[in-house]
Structures are given as C-alpha cells and as structure tokens.
Amino acid sequence: MLTVMGSTGTRAVQEGVSTHSSQRENESAAERTLLIEALSDLHNLLEEYAPAWYTEEHHRKAESALRASREH
C-alpha cells in the first residue's frame, strides 16, 4: 500500500514499509505451510505405527490442530 504524503522522501519510506510488511507476511505464510506439513507428516507416522504411548488424547489433539490449520 502506498500512502502519498507531501514529499518524495516520505513516499519512499511508505513504499519501503509496505514492501517489508508484505515480505514478512509471505515469509510467515511459508513458515506456517512448513509447520503444517511437518505436523501432518508426524501425525501420519504416529497413526501408522501407533506407539504404545500414543494415546487417544494425543490423536484428538493432533486431529484438532490439523483441522484448525486447514480452516485458516
């Protein structure tokens, strides 16, 4: 977003802030995608191998987290 103020210097600062903000949002989205993929992979492994310590409560928490991540 570009906000035109009264001078060229202010305009340049506003452009820089907008670009930086957009880059941070893109990086955050990429990081979030990686986290969701990692959680999904771990969930699949736990479901497949079902270690003795993997309880129904763990299963529900993982399912809930994955479901919430897909809704966003």
N, C-alpha and C. Protein backbone atom coordinates (compact mmCIF):
# COMPACT_ATOMS: atom_id res chain seq x y z
N MET A 1 0.84 -1.17 0.00
CA MET A 1 0.00 0.00 0.00
C MET A 1 0.89 1.23 0.00
N LEU A 2 0.61 2.17 -0.85
CA LEU A 2 1.37 3.40 -0.96
C LEU A 2 0.54 4.55 -0.45
N THR A 3 1.08 5.24 0.54
CA THR A 3 0.42 6.42 1.06
C THR A 3 1.24 7.62 0.62
N VAL A 4 0.66 8.46 -0.19
CA VAL A 4 1.36 9.63 -0.70
C VAL A 4 1.18 10.76 0.29
N MET A 5 2.30 11.19 0.82
CA MET A 5 2.29 12.30 1.77
C MET A 5 2.67 13.55 0.97
N GLY A 6 3.44 14.41 1.53
CA GLY A 6 3.76 15.65 0.84
C GLY A 6 5.08 15.65 0.10
N SER A 7 5.96 14.70 0.39
CA SER A 7 7.29 14.78 -0.21
C SER A 7 7.73 13.42 -0.74
N THR A 8 8.69 13.44 -1.61
CA THR A 8 9.22 12.22 -2.20
C THR A 8 9.84 11.32 -1.15
N GLY A 9 10.54 11.89 -0.19
CA GLY A 9 11.18 11.11 0.87
C GLY A 9 10.15 10.33 1.68
N THR A 10 9.07 10.94 2.03
CA THR A 10 8.03 10.27 2.79
C THR A 10 7.39 9.16 1.96
N ARG A 11 7.19 9.40 0.69
CA ARG A 11 6.62 8.40 -0.20
C ARG A 11 7.53 7.17 -0.25
N ALA A 12 8.82 7.38 -0.36
CA ALA A 12 9.77 6.27 -0.43
C ALA A 12 9.75 5.46 0.85
N VAL A 13 9.65 6.12 1.99
CA VAL A 13 9.60 5.42 3.26
C VAL A 13 8.33 4.58 3.34
N GLN A 14 7.20 5.13 2.92
CA GLN A 14 5.94 4.41 2.95
C GLN A 14 5.99 3.19 2.04
N GLU A 15 6.59 3.31 0.85
CA GLU A 15 6.71 2.18 -0.06
C GLU A 15 7.56 1.09 0.57
N GLY A 16 8.66 1.48 1.23
CA GLY A 16 9.54 0.52 1.88
C GLY A 16 8.85 -0.23 3.00
N VAL A 17 8.06 0.46 3.79
CA VAL A 17 7.32 -0.17 4.88
C VAL A 17 6.32 -1.17 4.32
N SER A 18 5.61 -0.78 3.28
CA SER A 18 4.62 -1.66 2.68
C SER A 18 5.26 -2.91 2.10
N THR A 19 6.38 -2.76 1.41
CA THR A 19 7.08 -3.90 0.82
C THR A 19 7.59 -4.82 1.91
N HIS A 20 8.16 -4.25 2.96
CA HIS A 20 8.69 -5.06 4.06
C HIS A 20 7.57 -5.84 4.74
N SER A 21 6.45 -5.21 4.96
CA SER A 21 5.30 -5.87 5.58
C SER A 21 4.81 -7.03 4.73
N SER A 22 4.75 -6.82 3.43
CA SER A 22 4.31 -7.87 2.51
C SER A 22 5.27 -9.05 2.52
N GLN A 23 6.57 -8.76 2.57
CA GLN A 23 7.57 -9.83 2.61
C GLN A 23 7.44 -10.65 3.89
N ARG A 24 7.21 -9.96 5.02
CA ARG A 24 7.03 -10.67 6.28
C ARG A 24 5.80 -11.57 6.23
N GLU A 25 4.72 -11.09 5.63
CA GLU A 25 3.51 -11.90 5.52
C GLU A 25 3.77 -13.14 4.67
N ASN A 26 4.51 -12.98 3.57
CA ASN A 26 4.84 -14.11 2.71
C ASN A 26 5.72 -15.11 3.44
N GLU A 27 6.71 -14.62 4.20
CA GLU A 27 7.59 -15.50 4.96
C GLU A 27 6.80 -16.23 6.04
N SER A 28 5.89 -15.54 6.71
CA SER A 28 5.07 -16.16 7.74
C SER A 28 4.19 -17.24 7.14
N ALA A 29 3.62 -16.99 5.98
CA ALA A 29 2.77 -17.97 5.32
C ALA A 29 3.59 -19.19 4.93
N ALA A 30 4.81 -18.98 4.44
CA ALA A 30 5.67 -20.09 4.05
C ALA A 30 6.07 -20.92 5.28
N GLU A 31 6.40 -20.24 6.37
CA GLU A 31 6.74 -20.94 7.60
C GLU A 31 5.55 -21.74 8.12
N ARG A 32 4.39 -21.15 8.04
CA ARG A 32 3.17 -21.83 8.51
C ARG A 32 2.91 -23.08 7.68
N THR A 33 3.11 -22.98 6.37
CA THR A 33 2.93 -24.13 5.50
C THR A 33 3.88 -25.24 5.87
N LEU A 34 5.14 -24.91 6.13
CA LEU A 34 6.12 -25.92 6.53
C LEU A 34 5.74 -26.58 7.85
N LEU A 35 5.26 -25.79 8.80
CA LEU A 35 4.84 -26.35 10.08
C LEU A 35 3.65 -27.29 9.93
N ILE A 36 2.70 -26.91 9.10
CA ILE A 36 1.53 -27.75 8.88
C ILE A 36 1.94 -29.07 8.21
N GLU A 37 2.83 -28.98 7.23
CA GLU A 37 3.31 -30.19 6.56
C GLU A 37 4.04 -31.11 7.54
N ALA A 38 4.87 -30.52 8.41
CA ALA A 38 5.60 -31.32 9.39
C ALA A 38 4.62 -31.99 10.37
N LEU A 39 3.64 -31.23 10.85
CA LEU A 39 2.65 -31.79 11.76
C LEU A 39 1.88 -32.92 11.08
N SER A 40 1.52 -32.73 9.84
CA SER A 40 0.78 -33.75 9.11
C SER A 40 1.62 -35.02 8.94
N ASP A 41 2.90 -34.84 8.60
CA ASP A 41 3.79 -36.00 8.45
C ASP A 41 3.93 -36.76 9.76
N LEU A 42 4.14 -36.03 10.85
CA LEU A 42 4.26 -36.68 12.15
C LEU A 42 2.97 -37.39 12.55
N HIS A 43 1.86 -36.74 12.30
CA HIS A 43 0.56 -37.35 12.60
C HIS A 43 0.40 -38.67 11.83
N ASN A 44 0.74 -38.65 10.55
CA ASN A 44 0.62 -39.85 9.73
C ASN A 44 1.51 -40.98 10.24
N LEU A 45 2.74 -40.64 10.63
CA LEU A 45 3.64 -41.66 11.19
C LEU A 45 3.08 -42.24 12.49
N LEU A 46 2.58 -41.38 13.35
CA LEU A 46 2.02 -41.86 14.61
C LEU A 46 0.80 -42.74 14.38
N GLU A 47 -0.02 -42.35 13.44
CA GLU A 47 -1.21 -43.16 13.14
C GLU A 47 -0.80 -44.52 12.55
N GLU A 48 0.21 -44.52 11.72
CA GLU A 48 0.64 -45.76 11.06
C GLU A 48 1.31 -46.73 12.04
N TYR A 49 2.22 -46.20 12.88
CA TYR A 49 2.99 -47.07 13.76
C TYR A 49 2.38 -47.23 15.15
N ALA A 50 1.50 -46.34 15.54
CA ALA A 50 0.77 -46.40 16.81
C ALA A 50 1.62 -46.88 17.99
N PRO A 51 2.64 -46.09 18.37
CA PRO A 51 3.43 -46.49 19.54
C PRO A 51 2.54 -46.58 20.79
N ALA A 52 2.99 -47.38 21.75
CA ALA A 52 2.19 -47.62 22.95
C ALA A 52 1.84 -46.33 23.70
N TRP A 53 2.72 -45.36 23.67
CA TRP A 53 2.49 -44.11 24.40
C TRP A 53 1.57 -43.15 23.67
N TYR A 54 1.25 -43.44 22.41
CA TYR A 54 0.39 -42.55 21.61
C TYR A 54 -1.06 -42.82 21.98
N THR A 55 -1.60 -41.95 22.83
CA THR A 55 -2.93 -42.16 23.39
C THR A 55 -4.01 -41.54 22.51
N GLU A 56 -5.23 -41.85 22.85
CA GLU A 56 -6.38 -41.26 22.16
C GLU A 56 -6.38 -39.74 22.31
N GLU A 57 -5.93 -39.27 23.47
CA GLU A 57 -5.84 -37.82 23.69
C GLU A 57 -4.84 -37.18 22.71
N HIS A 58 -3.69 -37.82 22.51
CA HIS A 58 -2.72 -37.32 21.53
C HIS A 58 -3.35 -37.28 20.14
N HIS A 59 -4.04 -38.34 19.80
CA HIS A 59 -4.71 -38.44 18.50
C HIS A 59 -5.69 -37.28 18.30
N ARG A 60 -6.53 -37.03 19.31
CA ARG A 60 -7.52 -35.96 19.21
C ARG A 60 -6.85 -34.58 19.08
N LYS A 61 -5.78 -34.35 19.84
CA LYS A 61 -5.08 -33.07 19.77
C LYS A 61 -4.49 -32.85 18.37
N ALA A 62 -3.86 -33.89 17.84
CA ALA A 62 -3.25 -33.77 16.50
C ALA A 62 -4.33 -33.54 15.44
N GLU A 63 -5.41 -34.29 15.53
CA GLU A 63 -6.51 -34.13 14.57
C GLU A 63 -7.09 -32.72 14.65
N SER A 64 -7.28 -32.24 15.85
CA SER A 64 -7.84 -30.90 16.05
C SER A 64 -6.91 -29.83 15.48
N ALA A 65 -5.62 -29.95 15.73
CA ALA A 65 -4.65 -28.98 15.22
C ALA A 65 -4.61 -28.98 13.70
N LEU A 66 -4.64 -30.15 13.10
CA LEU A 66 -4.64 -30.23 11.64
C LEU A 66 -5.92 -29.66 11.05
N ARG A 67 -7.03 -29.95 11.67
CA ARG A 67 -8.31 -29.43 11.19
C ARG A 67 -8.32 -27.90 11.26
N ALA A 68 -7.83 -27.35 12.37
CA ALA A 68 -7.78 -25.89 12.54
C ALA A 68 -6.85 -25.25 11.53
N SER A 69 -5.74 -25.91 11.23
CA SER A 69 -4.79 -25.34 10.28
C SER A 69 -5.35 -25.33 8.86
N ARG A 70 -6.19 -26.27 8.55
CA ARG A 70 -6.79 -26.32 7.21
C ARG A 70 -7.90 -25.29 7.04
N GLU A 71 -8.47 -24.85 8.15
CA GLU A 71 -9.55 -23.85 8.11
C GLU A 71 -9.02 -22.44 7.91
N HIS A 72 -7.73 -22.23 8.18
CA HIS A 72 -7.15 -20.88 8.07
C HIS A 72 -6.51 -20.67 6.75
